[in-house]
Amino acid sequence: MHRIKAYTAGGLAHPLCEDPGRIGRCDRCGTVFVDTSRNGRRRFCSARCANSTHVADHRKRRRLR
């Protein structure tokens, strides 16, 4: 159990110390994630959260017409 905790702590410390700007929080659900995209501009933790947000925005725009 101690080994698992040590590996987890090391795995979390590496991206945080290397580039703290790569740690983000999902715009939809609030989950914390490591941004692995090339440009570092990721807004969502998963494709599911991104799709849900974009579909809701699309439906909202269609209702306003």
C-alpha atoms as a PDB file:
ATOM      1  CA  MET A   1       0.000   0.000   0.000  1.00  0.00           C
ATOM      2  CA  HIS A   2       2.859   2.408   0.789  1.00  0.00           C
ATOM      3  CA  ARG A   3       4.369   1.782  -2.634  1.00  0.00           C
ATOM      4  CA  ILE A   4       1.093   2.665  -4.377  1.00  0.00           C
ATOM      5  CA  LYS A   5       0.852   5.909  -2.411  1.00  0.00           C
ATOM      6  CA  ALA A   6       4.454   6.792  -3.239  1.00  0.00           C
ATOM      7  CA  TYR A   7       4.011   6.148  -6.981  1.00  0.00           C
ATOM      8  CA  THR A   8       0.762   8.134  -6.997  1.00  0.00           C
ATOM      9  CA  ALA A   9       2.354  11.077  -5.196  1.00  0.00           C
ATOM     10  CA  GLY A  10       5.328  11.017  -7.574  1.00  0.00           C
ATOM     11  CA  GLY A  11       3.058  10.813 -10.602  1.00  0.00           C
ATOM     12  CA  LEU A  12       1.047  13.809  -9.437  1.00  0.00           C
ATOM     13  CA  ALA A  13       4.084  15.841  -8.408  1.00  0.00           C
ATOM     14  CA  HIS A  14       5.838  15.485 -11.772  1.00  0.00           C
ATOM     15  CA  PRO A  15       3.363  17.434 -13.976  1.00  0.00           C
ATOM     16  CA  LEU A  16       2.601  19.881 -11.177  1.00  0.00           C
ATOM     17  CA  CYS A  17       6.262  20.818 -10.701  1.00  0.00           C
ATOM     18  CA  GLU A  18       7.155  20.694 -14.400  1.00  0.00           C
ATOM     19  CA  ASP A  19       4.382  23.027 -15.583  1.00  0.00           C
ATOM     20  CA  PRO A  20       1.687  23.978 -13.067  1.00  0.00           C
ATOM     21  CA  GLY A  21      -0.275  25.729 -15.812  1.00  0.00           C
ATOM     22  CA  ARG A  22      -1.147  22.309 -17.228  1.00  0.00           C
ATOM     23  CA  ILE A  23      -3.377  21.449 -14.283  1.00  0.00           C
ATOM     24  CA  GLY A  24      -6.946  22.415 -15.128  1.00  0.00           C
ATOM     25  CA  ARG A  25     -10.499  22.156 -13.903  1.00  0.00           C
ATOM     26  CA  CYS A  26     -13.308  21.011 -16.181  1.00  0.00           C
ATOM     27  CA  ASP A  27     -15.716  23.808 -17.163  1.00  0.00           C
ATOM     28  CA  ARG A  28     -18.674  21.422 -16.896  1.00  0.00           C
ATOM     29  CA  CYS A  29     -18.170  19.057 -13.964  1.00  0.00           C
ATOM     30  CA  GLY A  30     -15.268  20.588 -12.040  1.00  0.00           C
ATOM     31  CA  THR A  31     -13.006  17.531 -12.238  1.00  0.00           C
ATOM     32  CA  VAL A  32      -9.303  18.354 -12.002  1.00  0.00           C
ATOM     33  CA  PHE A  33      -7.200  17.034 -14.907  1.00  0.00           C
ATOM     34  CA  VAL A  34      -3.725  17.301 -16.443  1.00  0.00           C
ATOM     35  CA  ASP A  35      -3.821  19.104 -19.797  1.00  0.00           C
ATOM     36  CA  THR A  36      -1.830  16.985 -22.242  1.00  0.00           C
ATOM     37  CA  SER A  37      -2.820  18.901 -25.368  1.00  0.00           C
ATOM     38  CA  ARG A  38      -0.140  20.510 -27.533  1.00  0.00           C
ATOM     39  CA  ASN A  39      -1.182  24.102 -26.956  1.00  0.00           C
ATOM     40  CA  GLY A  40      -2.308  23.703 -23.325  1.00  0.00           C
ATOM     41  CA  ARG A  41      -5.789  25.171 -23.864  1.00  0.00           C
ATOM     42  CA  ARG A  42      -7.963  22.207 -22.877  1.00  0.00           C
ATOM     43  CA  ARG A  43     -11.211  23.177 -21.074  1.00  0.00           C
ATOM     44  CA  PHE A  44     -12.851  19.820 -20.373  1.00  0.00           C
ATOM     45  CA  CYS A  45     -11.808  16.637 -18.578  1.00  0.00           C
ATOM     46  CA  SER A  46     -13.237  14.364 -21.280  1.00  0.00           C
ATOM     47  CA  ALA A  47     -14.907  14.313 -24.670  1.00  0.00           C
ATOM     48  CA  ARG A  48     -18.191  13.507 -22.917  1.00  0.00           C
ATOM     49  CA  CYS A  49     -18.146  16.776 -20.938  1.00  0.00           C
ATOM     50  CA  ALA A  50     -17.136  18.757 -24.027  1.00  0.00           C
ATOM     51  CA  ASN A  51     -19.901  17.205 -26.135  1.00  0.00           C
ATOM     52  CA  SER A  52     -22.549  17.776 -23.468  1.00  0.00           C
ATOM     53  CA  THR A  53     -21.618  21.443 -23.200  1.00  0.00           C
ATOM     54  CA  HIS A  54     -21.511  21.983 -26.949  1.00  0.00           C
ATOM     55  CA  VAL A  55     -24.835  20.210 -27.504  1.00  0.00           C
ATOM     56  CA  ALA A  56     -26.468  22.317 -24.772  1.00  0.00           C
ATOM     57  CA  ASP A  57     -25.076  25.500 -26.372  1.00  0.00           C
ATOM     58  CA  HIS A  58     -26.349  24.397 -29.786  1.00  0.00           C
ATOM     59  CA  ARG A  59     -29.838  23.673 -28.436  1.00  0.00           C
ATOM     60  CA  LYS A  60     -29.910  27.007 -26.654  1.00  0.00           C
ATOM     61  CA  ARG A  61     -29.014  28.858 -29.883  1.00  0.00           C
ATOM     62  CA  ARG A  62     -31.708  26.991 -31.808  1.00  0.00           C
ATOM     63  CA  ARG A  63     -34.347  27.896 -29.198  1.00  0.00           C
ATOM     64  CA  LEU A  64     -33.508  31.593 -29.521  1.00  0.00           C
ATOM     65  CA  ARG A  65     -34.356  31.687 -33.222  1.00  0.00           C
END
